[in-house]
Amino acid sequence: MIRFLSRFAAPLTVAALMAAAPAAQAGVMFTDNFNAESTSNVLNFNGFDHWSVSAGTVDYIRSGVQYKINCVGGSGGCVDLDGSTGNAGVMSSTTVYNLTAGLTYLFSLDLSGNQVRREGNTVTFGFADSSNINLFYASDAITLSQNDPFKTYTVAFSPTGNVTARLVIGNGGGDNVGLILDNAKLEVPEPGTLALLGLGLAALGLRRRRAA
């Protein structure tokens, strides 16, 4: 397990919110559906086209094959974020992104429960310093139970100065079972998309206050 830190900006995380915004309203900088890495399951995989794995391992999964894990849509590939060594790995983007002050960047993932064991798992993901992936500019932690279905979770980051960052994803713990990852995306939304995000956050905050 690694220790996650935050600085510079508070993260904004919203489940399934970006699905409400038209795709044409966002400038997509990066997307990965994990379908092309392998044609079969590979334990302790580190052959990703766009990611490096450190501090442990992750498993590459083909949907519905052998381990009874399904990826988004019931086909293609995805990632068990806690590999088969008893030490969950940390995925970091091989690309370093130059993020400009005054813009808002959205990093989104599709995550589901582990699908195989009755336990909850937590994944921390976000924007980390390009030279120290343990130091986050903006991040959030998502905890899901075994049978929680895939949803999209988003971290927003608006840097106050120009920074260089990597996208980082890490499962807490290390018992060979982690959350299932699919469909990673980095985008810069236009104002209309940001307005929808803001409305969703306001509604989420109101619901939490009422519940309290």
N, C-alpha and C. Protein backbone atom coordinates (compact mmCIF):
# COMPACT_ATOMS: atom_id res chain seq x y z
N MET A 1 0.85 -1.18 0.00
CA MET A 1 0.00 0.00 0.00
C MET A 1 0.89 1.24 0.00
N ILE A 2 0.50 2.30 -0.73
CA ILE A 2 1.27 3.52 -0.70
C ILE A 2 0.47 4.60 0.00
N ARG A 3 1.16 5.63 0.42
CA ARG A 3 0.51 6.74 1.09
C ARG A 3 0.21 7.83 0.08
N PHE A 4 -1.03 8.32 0.05
CA PHE A 4 -1.44 9.34 -0.89
C PHE A 4 -1.54 10.68 -0.18
N LEU A 5 -0.98 11.74 -0.82
CA LEU A 5 -1.01 13.09 -0.30
C LEU A 5 -1.73 13.99 -1.29
N SER A 6 -2.22 15.15 -0.83
CA SER A 6 -2.88 16.10 -1.71
C SER A 6 -2.31 17.50 -1.45
N ARG A 7 -2.31 18.36 -2.51
CA ARG A 7 -1.93 19.74 -2.35
C ARG A 7 -2.44 20.57 -3.51
N PHE A 8 -2.41 21.89 -3.39
CA PHE A 8 -2.73 22.86 -4.42
C PHE A 8 -4.21 23.03 -4.72
N ALA A 9 -5.01 21.96 -4.78
CA ALA A 9 -6.41 22.12 -5.13
C ALA A 9 -7.21 20.98 -4.57
N ALA A 10 -8.45 21.26 -4.20
CA ALA A 10 -9.33 20.20 -3.70
C ALA A 10 -9.92 19.45 -4.87
N PRO A 11 -10.02 18.11 -4.82
CA PRO A 11 -10.59 17.33 -5.91
C PRO A 11 -12.10 17.44 -5.92
N LEU A 12 -12.66 17.28 -7.11
CA LEU A 12 -14.10 17.21 -7.28
C LEU A 12 -14.41 15.89 -7.95
N THR A 13 -15.15 15.03 -7.28
CA THR A 13 -15.41 13.70 -7.80
C THR A 13 -16.90 13.50 -7.95
N VAL A 14 -17.35 13.04 -9.14
CA VAL A 14 -18.76 12.87 -9.41
C VAL A 14 -18.97 11.56 -10.15
N ALA A 15 -19.84 10.72 -9.65
CA ALA A 15 -20.12 9.44 -10.30
C ALA A 15 -21.10 9.63 -11.43
N ALA A 16 -20.73 9.13 -12.61
CA ALA A 16 -21.62 9.05 -13.77
C ALA A 16 -22.13 10.40 -14.24
N LEU A 17 -21.54 11.52 -13.79
CA LEU A 17 -22.07 12.82 -14.16
C LEU A 17 -21.73 13.19 -15.60
N MET A 18 -20.52 12.90 -16.03
CA MET A 18 -20.10 13.34 -17.35
C MET A 18 -20.88 12.68 -18.46
N ALA A 19 -21.55 11.57 -18.17
CA ALA A 19 -22.37 10.93 -19.20
C ALA A 19 -23.50 11.83 -19.65
N ALA A 20 -23.87 12.81 -18.83
CA ALA A 20 -24.97 13.71 -19.18
C ALA A 20 -24.53 14.81 -20.12
N ALA A 21 -23.22 15.01 -20.32
CA ALA A 21 -22.73 16.08 -21.16
C ALA A 21 -22.43 15.56 -22.56
N PRO A 22 -22.79 16.31 -23.61
CA PRO A 22 -22.51 15.88 -24.98
C PRO A 22 -21.02 15.74 -25.20
N ALA A 23 -20.61 14.68 -25.88
CA ALA A 23 -19.19 14.42 -26.10
C ALA A 23 -18.53 15.56 -26.87
N ALA A 24 -19.30 16.25 -27.73
CA ALA A 24 -18.73 17.31 -28.55
C ALA A 24 -18.29 18.51 -27.72
N GLN A 25 -18.70 18.59 -26.47
CA GLN A 25 -18.39 19.74 -25.64
C GLN A 25 -17.07 19.57 -24.89
N ALA A 26 -16.35 18.51 -25.10
CA ALA A 26 -15.12 18.28 -24.36
C ALA A 26 -13.97 18.02 -25.32
N GLY A 27 -12.78 18.57 -24.96
CA GLY A 27 -11.58 18.27 -25.72
C GLY A 27 -10.86 17.12 -25.06
N VAL A 28 -10.85 15.95 -25.69
CA VAL A 28 -10.27 14.75 -25.09
C VAL A 28 -8.77 14.73 -25.36
N MET A 29 -7.99 14.70 -24.30
CA MET A 29 -6.54 14.64 -24.41
C MET A 29 -6.01 13.22 -24.44
N PHE A 30 -6.74 12.31 -23.79
CA PHE A 30 -6.28 10.92 -23.69
C PHE A 30 -7.47 10.02 -23.36
N THR A 31 -7.49 8.83 -23.95
CA THR A 31 -8.49 7.83 -23.59
C THR A 31 -7.90 6.44 -23.76
N ASP A 32 -8.33 5.51 -22.89
CA ASP A 32 -7.81 4.15 -22.93
C ASP A 32 -8.90 3.20 -22.44
N ASN A 33 -9.28 2.24 -23.31
CA ASN A 33 -10.29 1.25 -22.91
C ASN A 33 -9.69 -0.10 -22.55
N PHE A 34 -8.37 -0.23 -22.56
CA PHE A 34 -7.65 -1.43 -22.13
C PHE A 34 -8.01 -2.68 -22.94
N ASN A 35 -8.49 -2.51 -24.14
CA ASN A 35 -8.91 -3.67 -24.93
C ASN A 35 -7.77 -4.31 -25.73
N ALA A 36 -6.70 -3.59 -25.97
CA ALA A 36 -5.69 -4.06 -26.92
C ALA A 36 -4.44 -4.65 -26.26
N GLU A 37 -4.38 -4.66 -24.93
CA GLU A 37 -3.13 -5.09 -24.27
C GLU A 37 -2.82 -6.56 -24.48
N SER A 38 -3.84 -7.42 -24.42
CA SER A 38 -3.62 -8.86 -24.56
C SER A 38 -4.92 -9.53 -24.97
N THR A 39 -4.82 -10.70 -25.56
CA THR A 39 -6.01 -11.47 -25.92
C THR A 39 -6.40 -12.47 -24.84
N SER A 40 -5.65 -12.51 -23.75
CA SER A 40 -5.94 -13.44 -22.66
C SER A 40 -5.64 -12.78 -21.32
N ASN A 41 -6.08 -13.41 -20.23
CA ASN A 41 -5.76 -12.92 -18.90
C ASN A 41 -4.26 -13.02 -18.65
N VAL A 42 -3.70 -12.01 -17.98
CA VAL A 42 -2.28 -12.03 -17.63
C VAL A 42 -2.15 -11.53 -16.19
N LEU A 43 -1.72 -12.42 -15.31
CA LEU A 43 -1.50 -12.02 -13.93
C LEU A 43 -0.23 -11.19 -13.81
N ASN A 44 -0.25 -10.22 -12.90
CA ASN A 44 0.92 -9.37 -12.63
C ASN A 44 1.43 -8.74 -13.93
N PHE A 45 0.53 -8.06 -14.60
CA PHE A 45 0.78 -7.52 -15.94
C PHE A 45 1.43 -6.15 -15.87
N ASN A 46 2.43 -5.95 -16.73
CA ASN A 46 3.07 -4.63 -16.81
C ASN A 46 3.44 -4.32 -18.25
N GLY A 47 2.53 -4.70 -19.17
CA GLY A 47 2.77 -4.45 -20.58
C GLY A 47 1.80 -3.46 -21.18
N PHE A 48 1.31 -2.51 -20.38
CA PHE A 48 0.35 -1.53 -20.86
C PHE A 48 0.99 -0.58 -21.86
N ASP A 49 0.19 -0.13 -22.82
CA ASP A 49 0.67 0.82 -23.81
C ASP A 49 0.89 2.21 -23.22
N HIS A 50 0.08 2.58 -22.21
CA HIS A 50 0.09 3.97 -21.74
C HIS A 50 0.35 4.11 -20.24
N TRP A 51 0.66 3.01 -19.55
CA TRP A 51 0.79 3.04 -18.11
C TRP A 51 2.00 2.25 -17.65
N SER A 52 2.62 2.70 -16.56
CA SER A 52 3.63 1.93 -15.85
C SER A 52 3.04 1.46 -14.53
N VAL A 53 3.49 0.31 -14.06
CA VAL A 53 3.03 -0.24 -12.78
C VAL A 53 4.22 -0.32 -11.84
N SER A 54 4.05 0.23 -10.63
CA SER A 54 5.13 0.23 -9.64
C SER A 54 4.57 -0.12 -8.27
N ALA A 55 5.45 -0.40 -7.34
CA ALA A 55 5.11 -0.65 -5.93
C ALA A 55 4.21 -1.86 -5.73
N GLY A 56 4.15 -2.77 -6.71
CA GLY A 56 3.29 -3.95 -6.62
C GLY A 56 2.83 -4.35 -8.01
N THR A 57 1.68 -5.01 -8.08
CA THR A 57 1.21 -5.55 -9.35
C THR A 57 -0.28 -5.32 -9.54
N VAL A 58 -0.71 -5.42 -10.81
CA VAL A 58 -2.11 -5.47 -11.20
C VAL A 58 -2.28 -6.64 -12.16
N ASP A 59 -3.53 -7.09 -12.34
CA ASP A 59 -3.81 -8.20 -13.26
C ASP A 59 -4.60 -7.68 -14.46
N TYR A 60 -4.25 -8.16 -15.65
CA TYR A 60 -5.02 -7.83 -16.85
C TYR A 60 -6.09 -8.89 -17.05
N ILE A 61 -7.33 -8.43 -17.26
CA ILE A 61 -8.49 -9.33 -17.32
C ILE A 61 -9.18 -9.20 -18.68
N ARG A 62 -9.51 -10.35 -19.28
CA ARG A 62 -10.41 -10.38 -20.44
C ARG A 62 -11.80 -10.72 -19.94
N SER A 63 -12.77 -9.95 -20.36
CA SER A 63 -14.12 -10.03 -19.82
C SER A 63 -14.71 -11.43 -19.91
N GLY A 64 -15.20 -11.94 -18.76
CA GLY A 64 -15.91 -13.21 -18.71
C GLY A 64 -15.06 -14.45 -18.86
N VAL A 65 -13.73 -14.30 -18.90
CA VAL A 65 -12.85 -15.44 -19.12
C VAL A 65 -12.21 -15.87 -17.81
N GLN A 66 -12.47 -17.08 -17.39
CA GLN A 66 -11.80 -17.77 -16.29
C GLN A 66 -12.13 -17.22 -14.90
N TYR A 67 -12.00 -15.91 -14.67
CA TYR A 67 -12.15 -15.38 -13.32
C TYR A 67 -13.55 -14.83 -13.04
N LYS A 68 -14.47 -14.95 -13.99
CA LYS A 68 -15.85 -14.49 -13.85
C LYS A 68 -15.94 -13.00 -13.57
N ILE A 69 -15.01 -12.26 -14.11
CA ILE A 69 -15.02 -10.80 -14.02
C ILE A 69 -15.43 -10.23 -15.36
N ASN A 70 -16.39 -9.32 -15.35
CA ASN A 70 -16.86 -8.70 -16.58
C ASN A 70 -16.39 -7.26 -16.66
N CYS A 71 -15.88 -6.88 -17.83
CA CYS A 71 -15.51 -5.50 -18.08
C CYS A 71 -16.74 -4.72 -18.53
N VAL A 72 -16.59 -3.43 -18.75
CA VAL A 72 -17.71 -2.61 -19.20
C VAL A 72 -18.27 -3.16 -20.51
N GLY A 73 -19.59 -3.33 -20.55
CA GLY A 73 -20.23 -3.85 -21.76
C GLY A 73 -20.12 -5.35 -21.93
N GLY A 74 -19.47 -6.04 -20.98
CA GLY A 74 -19.36 -7.48 -21.06
C GLY A 74 -18.38 -7.99 -22.10
N SER A 75 -17.46 -7.14 -22.54
CA SER A 75 -16.48 -7.57 -23.54
C SER A 75 -15.20 -6.76 -23.38
N GLY A 76 -14.16 -7.18 -24.09
CA GLY A 76 -12.91 -6.45 -24.07
C GLY A 76 -12.08 -6.73 -22.84
N GLY A 77 -11.17 -5.79 -22.53
CA GLY A 77 -10.26 -5.96 -21.41
C GLY A 77 -10.46 -4.92 -20.33
N CYS A 78 -9.97 -5.22 -19.14
CA CYS A 78 -10.02 -4.30 -18.00
C CYS A 78 -8.92 -4.71 -17.04
N VAL A 79 -8.87 -4.09 -15.87
CA VAL A 79 -7.75 -4.29 -14.96
C VAL A 79 -8.25 -4.56 -13.54
N ASP A 80 -7.76 -5.64 -12.93
CA ASP A 80 -7.92 -5.85 -11.49
C ASP A 80 -6.78 -5.10 -10.82
N LEU A 81 -7.13 -4.06 -10.06
CA LEU A 81 -6.12 -3.15 -9.54
C LEU A 81 -5.31 -3.69 -8.37
N ASP A 82 -5.58 -4.92 -7.95
CA ASP A 82 -4.74 -5.57 -6.94
C ASP A 82 -4.26 -6.88 -7.55
N GLY A 83 -3.01 -6.91 -7.96
CA GLY A 83 -2.47 -8.07 -8.65
C GLY A 83 -2.32 -9.29 -7.77
N SER A 84 -1.64 -10.31 -8.28
CA SER A 84 -1.60 -11.63 -7.64
C SER A 84 -0.33 -11.87 -6.83
N THR A 85 0.27 -10.80 -6.33
CA THR A 85 1.47 -10.95 -5.51
C THR A 85 1.22 -10.60 -4.04
N GLY A 86 -0.03 -10.23 -3.71
CA GLY A 86 -0.32 -9.78 -2.36
C GLY A 86 0.14 -8.37 -2.09
N ASN A 87 0.44 -7.61 -3.14
CA ASN A 87 0.90 -6.24 -3.01
C ASN A 87 0.33 -5.44 -4.17
N ALA A 88 -0.71 -4.63 -3.90
CA ALA A 88 -1.39 -3.90 -4.95
C ALA A 88 -0.45 -2.88 -5.60
N GLY A 89 -0.47 -2.83 -6.93
CA GLY A 89 0.39 -1.91 -7.66
C GLY A 89 -0.23 -0.54 -7.84
N VAL A 90 0.59 0.38 -8.31
CA VAL A 90 0.16 1.74 -8.63
C VAL A 90 0.40 1.97 -10.11
N MET A 91 -0.66 2.35 -10.83
CA MET A 91 -0.56 2.65 -12.25
C MET A 91 -0.35 4.15 -12.43
N SER A 92 0.66 4.52 -13.20
CA SER A 92 0.91 5.92 -13.51
C SER A 92 1.09 6.08 -15.02
N SER A 93 0.59 7.17 -15.56
CA SER A 93 0.66 7.38 -17.00
C SER A 93 2.12 7.55 -17.44
N THR A 94 2.45 6.93 -18.55
CA THR A 94 3.80 7.12 -19.09
C THR A 94 3.96 8.52 -19.67
N THR A 95 2.87 9.13 -20.07
CA THR A 95 2.89 10.50 -20.58
C THR A 95 2.87 11.49 -19.43
N VAL A 96 3.71 12.50 -19.52
CA VAL A 96 3.67 13.63 -18.58
C VAL A 96 2.85 14.74 -19.24
N TYR A 97 1.87 15.24 -18.51
CA TYR A 97 0.97 16.26 -19.05
C TYR A 97 1.35 17.64 -18.51
N ASN A 98 1.49 18.59 -19.42
CA ASN A 98 1.74 19.98 -19.05
C ASN A 98 0.39 20.67 -18.87
N LEU A 99 0.03 20.93 -17.63
CA LEU A 99 -1.28 21.49 -17.31
C LEU A 99 -1.16 22.99 -17.10
N THR A 100 -2.06 23.73 -17.73
CA THR A 100 -1.98 25.18 -17.78
C THR A 100 -2.86 25.82 -16.72
N ALA A 101 -2.33 26.82 -16.04
CA ALA A 101 -3.09 27.55 -15.03
C ALA A 101 -4.35 28.15 -15.65
N GLY A 102 -5.44 28.08 -14.90
CA GLY A 102 -6.70 28.67 -15.34
C GLY A 102 -7.60 27.74 -16.11
N LEU A 103 -7.11 26.58 -16.51
CA LEU A 103 -7.95 25.58 -17.17
C LEU A 103 -8.37 24.52 -16.16
N THR A 104 -9.47 23.87 -16.44
CA THR A 104 -9.92 22.75 -15.60
C THR A 104 -9.76 21.46 -16.38
N TYR A 105 -9.13 20.48 -15.76
CA TYR A 105 -8.88 19.18 -16.37
C TYR A 105 -9.68 18.12 -15.62
N LEU A 106 -10.28 17.20 -16.38
CA LEU A 106 -11.08 16.13 -15.80
C LEU A 106 -10.44 14.78 -16.10
N PHE A 107 -10.18 14.02 -15.05
CA PHE A 107 -9.65 12.66 -15.17
C PHE A 107 -10.75 11.72 -14.69
N SER A 108 -11.24 10.86 -15.58
CA SER A 108 -12.35 9.98 -15.23
C SER A 108 -11.99 8.52 -15.45
N LEU A 109 -12.61 7.66 -14.63
CA LEU A 109 -12.43 6.21 -14.69
C LEU A 109 -13.78 5.53 -14.58
N ASP A 110 -13.91 4.36 -15.19
CA ASP A 110 -15.01 3.46 -14.88
C ASP A 110 -14.50 2.44 -13.87
N LEU A 111 -15.18 2.34 -12.72
CA LEU A 111 -14.78 1.41 -11.67
C LEU A 111 -15.97 0.58 -11.24
N SER A 112 -15.73 -0.70 -10.94
CA SER A 112 -16.75 -1.56 -10.33
C SER A 112 -16.15 -2.22 -9.09
N GLY A 113 -17.02 -2.87 -8.29
CA GLY A 113 -16.53 -3.70 -7.20
C GLY A 113 -15.66 -4.82 -7.72
N ASN A 114 -15.03 -5.55 -6.81
CA ASN A 114 -14.07 -6.57 -7.25
C ASN A 114 -14.73 -7.76 -7.95
N GLN A 115 -16.04 -7.94 -7.77
CA GLN A 115 -16.85 -8.95 -8.46
C GLN A 115 -16.62 -10.39 -8.01
N VAL A 116 -15.65 -10.64 -7.12
CA VAL A 116 -15.34 -12.04 -6.79
C VAL A 116 -15.30 -12.34 -5.29
N ARG A 117 -15.20 -11.33 -4.43
CA ARG A 117 -15.03 -11.59 -3.00
C ARG A 117 -15.84 -10.60 -2.18
N ARG A 118 -16.43 -11.07 -1.10
CA ARG A 118 -17.28 -10.23 -0.27
C ARG A 118 -16.43 -9.30 0.60
N GLU A 119 -15.98 -8.25 0.00
CA GLU A 119 -15.22 -7.24 0.73
C GLU A 119 -15.28 -5.94 -0.04
N GLY A 120 -15.04 -4.85 0.67
CA GLY A 120 -14.93 -3.56 0.02
C GLY A 120 -13.48 -3.26 -0.32
N ASN A 121 -13.29 -2.49 -1.37
CA ASN A 121 -11.95 -2.09 -1.78
C ASN A 121 -11.96 -0.60 -2.09
N THR A 122 -10.82 0.03 -1.93
CA THR A 122 -10.71 1.47 -2.14
C THR A 122 -9.60 1.78 -3.14
N VAL A 123 -9.92 2.64 -4.10
CA VAL A 123 -8.95 3.10 -5.08
C VAL A 123 -8.81 4.61 -4.97
N THR A 124 -7.55 5.08 -4.92
CA THR A 124 -7.26 6.51 -4.97
C THR A 124 -6.72 6.83 -6.36
N PHE A 125 -7.25 7.89 -6.96
CA PHE A 125 -6.78 8.26 -8.29
C PHE A 125 -6.80 9.78 -8.44
N GLY A 126 -5.98 10.28 -9.36
CA GLY A 126 -5.95 11.72 -9.57
C GLY A 126 -4.72 12.17 -10.32
N PHE A 127 -4.41 13.45 -10.14
CA PHE A 127 -3.28 14.11 -10.81
C PHE A 127 -2.13 14.19 -9.81
N ALA A 128 -1.00 13.61 -10.17
CA ALA A 128 0.16 13.61 -9.26
C ALA A 128 1.34 14.33 -9.90
N ASP A 129 2.25 14.78 -9.06
CA ASP A 129 3.47 15.42 -9.54
C ASP A 129 4.22 14.47 -10.47
N SER A 130 4.70 14.99 -11.57
CA SER A 130 5.32 14.14 -12.59
C SER A 130 6.58 13.44 -12.10
N SER A 131 7.27 14.03 -11.11
CA SER A 131 8.50 13.43 -10.60
C SER A 131 8.32 12.71 -9.28
N ASN A 132 7.10 12.77 -8.71
CA ASN A 132 6.82 12.08 -7.45
C ASN A 132 5.35 11.68 -7.44
N ILE A 133 5.05 10.46 -7.87
CA ILE A 133 3.65 10.06 -8.04
C ILE A 133 2.93 9.81 -6.72
N ASN A 134 3.64 9.90 -5.61
CA ASN A 134 2.99 9.82 -4.30
C ASN A 134 2.42 11.17 -3.86
N LEU A 135 2.77 12.23 -4.58
CA LEU A 135 2.36 13.58 -4.21
C LEU A 135 1.29 14.06 -5.18
N PHE A 136 0.05 14.14 -4.69
CA PHE A 136 -1.09 14.47 -5.55
C PHE A 136 -1.40 15.96 -5.52
N TYR A 137 -1.66 16.52 -6.70
CA TYR A 137 -2.24 17.85 -6.80
C TYR A 137 -3.74 17.80 -6.49
N ALA A 138 -4.41 16.79 -6.99
CA ALA A 138 -5.85 16.62 -6.76
C ALA A 138 -6.15 15.13 -6.88
N SER A 139 -6.93 14.60 -5.94
CA SER A 139 -7.22 13.16 -5.95
C SER A 139 -8.50 12.89 -5.20
N ASP A 140 -8.99 11.67 -5.33
CA ASP A 140 -10.12 11.23 -4.52
C ASP A 140 -10.01 9.73 -4.32
N ALA A 141 -10.67 9.22 -3.28
CA ALA A 141 -10.69 7.80 -2.97
C ALA A 141 -12.10 7.27 -3.15
N ILE A 142 -12.23 6.18 -3.90
CA ILE A 142 -13.52 5.56 -4.17
C ILE A 142 -13.54 4.19 -3.51
N THR A 143 -14.54 3.94 -2.66
CA THR A 143 -14.69 2.65 -2.01
C THR A 143 -15.96 1.98 -2.51
N LEU A 144 -15.82 0.74 -2.99
CA LEU A 144 -16.95 -0.01 -3.54
C LEU A 144 -17.00 -1.40 -2.94
N SER A 145 -18.21 -1.95 -2.83
CA SER A 145 -18.41 -3.31 -2.37
C SER A 145 -18.32 -4.28 -3.55
N GLN A 146 -18.31 -5.55 -3.26
CA GLN A 146 -18.10 -6.59 -4.27
C GLN A 146 -18.97 -6.42 -5.50
N ASN A 147 -20.27 -6.22 -5.32
CA ASN A 147 -21.20 -6.25 -6.45
C ASN A 147 -21.61 -4.87 -6.95
N ASP A 148 -20.93 -3.83 -6.52
CA ASP A 148 -21.24 -2.50 -7.05
C ASP A 148 -20.93 -2.46 -8.54
N PRO A 149 -21.87 -2.01 -9.37
CA PRO A 149 -21.66 -2.03 -10.82
C PRO A 149 -20.72 -0.92 -11.27
N PHE A 150 -20.31 -1.00 -12.53
CA PHE A 150 -19.46 0.04 -13.09
C PHE A 150 -20.18 1.39 -13.09
N LYS A 151 -19.47 2.41 -12.63
CA LYS A 151 -19.89 3.80 -12.77
C LYS A 151 -18.67 4.63 -13.11
N THR A 152 -18.93 5.81 -13.64
CA THR A 152 -17.84 6.71 -13.99
C THR A 152 -17.58 7.67 -12.83
N TYR A 153 -16.32 7.77 -12.43
CA TYR A 153 -15.90 8.66 -11.34
C TYR A 153 -14.89 9.66 -11.90
N THR A 154 -15.02 10.92 -11.50
CA THR A 154 -14.24 12.00 -12.11
C THR A 154 -13.57 12.87 -11.06
N VAL A 155 -12.30 13.15 -11.27
CA VAL A 155 -11.57 14.14 -10.48
C VAL A 155 -11.31 15.35 -11.36
N ALA A 156 -11.63 16.54 -10.86
CA ALA A 156 -11.36 17.79 -11.57
C ALA A 156 -10.20 18.51 -10.91
N PHE A 157 -9.35 19.10 -11.73
CA PHE A 157 -8.19 19.83 -11.23
C PHE A 157 -8.03 21.13 -12.00
N SER A 158 -8.00 22.25 -11.28
CA SER A 158 -7.77 23.57 -11.88
C SER A 158 -6.49 24.13 -11.28
N PRO A 159 -5.36 23.95 -11.93
CA PRO A 159 -4.10 24.40 -11.33
C PRO A 159 -4.02 25.92 -11.22
N THR A 160 -3.43 26.39 -10.13
CA THR A 160 -3.24 27.82 -9.93
C THR A 160 -1.96 28.32 -10.60
N GLY A 161 -1.13 27.38 -11.01
CA GLY A 161 0.08 27.68 -11.78
C GLY A 161 0.33 26.55 -12.75
N ASN A 162 1.18 26.77 -13.73
CA ASN A 162 1.49 25.70 -14.67
C ASN A 162 2.22 24.57 -13.95
N VAL A 163 1.78 23.33 -14.19
CA VAL A 163 2.40 22.18 -13.54
C VAL A 163 2.57 21.06 -14.56
N THR A 164 3.45 20.12 -14.25
CA THR A 164 3.57 18.88 -15.01
C THR A 164 3.06 17.74 -14.13
N ALA A 165 2.23 16.89 -14.69
CA ALA A 165 1.56 15.88 -13.87
C ALA A 165 1.45 14.57 -14.63
N ARG A 166 1.31 13.51 -13.86
CA ARG A 166 0.94 12.20 -14.38
C ARG A 166 -0.42 11.81 -13.81
N LEU A 167 -1.13 10.97 -14.54
CA LEU A 167 -2.36 10.37 -14.04
C LEU A 167 -1.98 9.14 -13.24
N VAL A 168 -2.53 9.01 -12.03
CA VAL A 168 -2.13 7.93 -11.14
C VAL A 168 -3.36 7.24 -10.57
N ILE A 169 -3.30 5.89 -10.49
CA ILE A 169 -4.39 5.07 -9.96
C ILE A 169 -3.78 4.02 -9.05
N GLY A 170 -4.27 3.92 -7.81
CA GLY A 170 -3.72 2.93 -6.90
C GLY A 170 -4.78 2.32 -6.00
N ASN A 171 -4.82 0.99 -5.91
CA ASN A 171 -5.74 0.27 -5.03
C ASN A 171 -5.12 0.13 -3.64
N GLY A 172 -5.87 0.46 -2.60
CA GLY A 172 -5.38 0.28 -1.25
C GLY A 172 -5.37 -1.19 -0.86
N GLY A 173 -4.52 -1.56 0.08
CA GLY A 173 -4.47 -2.94 0.54
C GLY A 173 -3.60 -3.80 -0.35
N GLY A 174 -3.74 -5.12 -0.15
CA GLY A 174 -2.92 -6.04 -0.93
C GLY A 174 -3.27 -7.47 -0.63
N ASP A 175 -4.45 -7.92 -1.11
CA ASP A 175 -4.87 -9.30 -0.86
C ASP A 175 -5.26 -10.02 -2.15
N ASN A 176 -4.74 -9.51 -3.28
CA ASN A 176 -4.96 -10.10 -4.60
C ASN A 176 -6.34 -9.83 -5.18
N VAL A 177 -7.16 -9.02 -4.53
CA VAL A 177 -8.49 -8.66 -5.05
C VAL A 177 -8.66 -7.15 -4.92
N GLY A 178 -8.91 -6.48 -6.05
CA GLY A 178 -9.09 -5.04 -6.04
C GLY A 178 -10.27 -4.62 -6.89
N LEU A 179 -10.53 -3.32 -6.93
CA LEU A 179 -11.57 -2.82 -7.81
C LEU A 179 -11.18 -3.05 -9.26
N ILE A 180 -12.20 -3.11 -10.12
CA ILE A 180 -11.98 -3.36 -11.54
C ILE A 180 -12.03 -2.04 -12.29
N LEU A 181 -10.99 -1.78 -13.07
CA LEU A 181 -10.81 -0.52 -13.80
C LEU A 181 -11.07 -0.72 -15.28
N ASP A 182 -11.79 0.24 -15.88
CA ASP A 182 -11.98 0.27 -17.33
C ASP A 182 -12.10 1.73 -17.75
N ASN A 183 -11.83 2.02 -19.01
CA ASN A 183 -12.14 3.31 -19.65
C ASN A 183 -11.63 4.53 -18.89
N ALA A 184 -10.32 4.75 -18.97
CA ALA A 184 -9.72 5.96 -18.41
C ALA A 184 -9.74 7.08 -19.45
N LYS A 185 -9.95 8.32 -18.98
CA LYS A 185 -10.04 9.45 -19.90
C LYS A 185 -9.53 10.73 -19.23
N LEU A 186 -8.81 11.55 -20.00
CA LEU A 186 -8.41 12.89 -19.57
C LEU A 186 -8.96 13.87 -20.59
N GLU A 187 -9.65 14.90 -20.12
CA GLU A 187 -10.24 15.87 -21.04
C GLU A 187 -10.26 17.27 -20.43
N VAL A 188 -10.38 18.23 -21.32
CA VAL A 188 -10.56 19.62 -20.92
C VAL A 188 -11.94 20.04 -21.40
N PRO A 189 -12.90 20.18 -20.49
CA PRO A 189 -14.27 20.47 -20.92
C PRO A 189 -14.43 21.94 -21.30
N GLU A 190 -15.40 22.19 -22.16
CA GLU A 190 -15.79 23.56 -22.47
C GLU A 190 -16.75 24.05 -21.40
N PRO A 191 -17.05 25.34 -21.36
CA PRO A 191 -17.87 25.90 -20.26
C PRO A 191 -19.21 25.20 -20.05
N GLY A 192 -19.86 24.74 -21.11
CA GLY A 192 -21.16 24.08 -20.95
C GLY A 192 -21.05 22.80 -20.14
N THR A 193 -19.97 22.05 -20.37
CA THR A 193 -19.75 20.82 -19.62
C THR A 193 -19.43 21.12 -18.17
N LEU A 194 -18.62 22.17 -17.94
CA LEU A 194 -18.30 22.54 -16.57
C LEU A 194 -19.53 22.99 -15.80
N ALA A 195 -20.47 23.65 -16.50
CA ALA A 195 -21.70 24.07 -15.84
C ALA A 195 -22.49 22.87 -15.37
N LEU A 196 -22.57 21.82 -16.20
CA LEU A 196 -23.26 20.60 -15.79
C LEU A 196 -22.57 19.96 -14.60
N LEU A 197 -21.23 19.95 -14.61
CA LEU A 197 -20.48 19.40 -13.49
C LEU A 197 -20.78 20.16 -12.21
N GLY A 198 -20.82 21.50 -12.31
CA GLY A 198 -21.11 22.32 -11.14
C GLY A 198 -22.50 22.08 -10.60
N LEU A 199 -23.48 21.94 -11.49
CA LEU A 199 -24.85 21.66 -11.04
C LEU A 199 -24.92 20.32 -10.33
N GLY A 200 -24.22 19.33 -10.86
CA GLY A 200 -24.21 18.02 -10.23
C GLY A 200 -23.59 18.06 -8.85
N LEU A 201 -22.48 18.79 -8.72
CA LEU A 201 -21.85 18.92 -7.42
C LEU A 201 -22.74 19.63 -6.43
N ALA A 202 -23.46 20.68 -6.88
CA ALA A 202 -24.36 21.40 -6.00
C ALA A 202 -25.48 20.49 -5.51
N ALA A 203 -26.03 19.68 -6.44
CA ALA A 203 -27.11 18.77 -6.06
C ALA A 203 -26.61 17.72 -5.08
N LEU A 204 -25.37 17.23 -5.30
CA LEU A 204 -24.80 16.23 -4.41
C LEU A 204 -24.59 16.81 -3.01
N GLY A 205 -24.10 18.06 -2.94
CA GLY A 205 -23.91 18.69 -1.66
C GLY A 205 -25.21 18.92 -0.91
N LEU A 206 -26.26 19.32 -1.65
CA LEU A 206 -27.57 19.52 -1.03
C LEU A 206 -28.12 18.22 -0.48
N ARG A 207 -27.96 17.14 -1.23
CA ARG A 207 -28.45 15.84 -0.77
C ARG A 207 -27.73 15.42 0.50
N ARG A 208 -26.42 15.64 0.57
CA ARG A 208 -25.66 15.26 1.75
C ARG A 208 -26.08 16.08 2.97
N ARG A 209 -26.34 17.41 2.77
CA ARG A 209 -26.78 18.24 3.88
C ARG A 209 -28.14 17.80 4.40
N ARG A 210 -29.04 17.44 3.49
CA ARG A 210 -30.35 16.97 3.92
C ARG A 210 -30.24 15.67 4.69
N ALA A 211 -29.36 14.79 4.20
CA ALA A 211 -29.18 13.50 4.90
C ALA A 211 -28.64 13.71 6.30
N ALA A 212 -27.74 14.71 6.44
CA ALA A 212 -27.16 14.99 7.76
C ALA A 212 -28.22 15.56 8.71
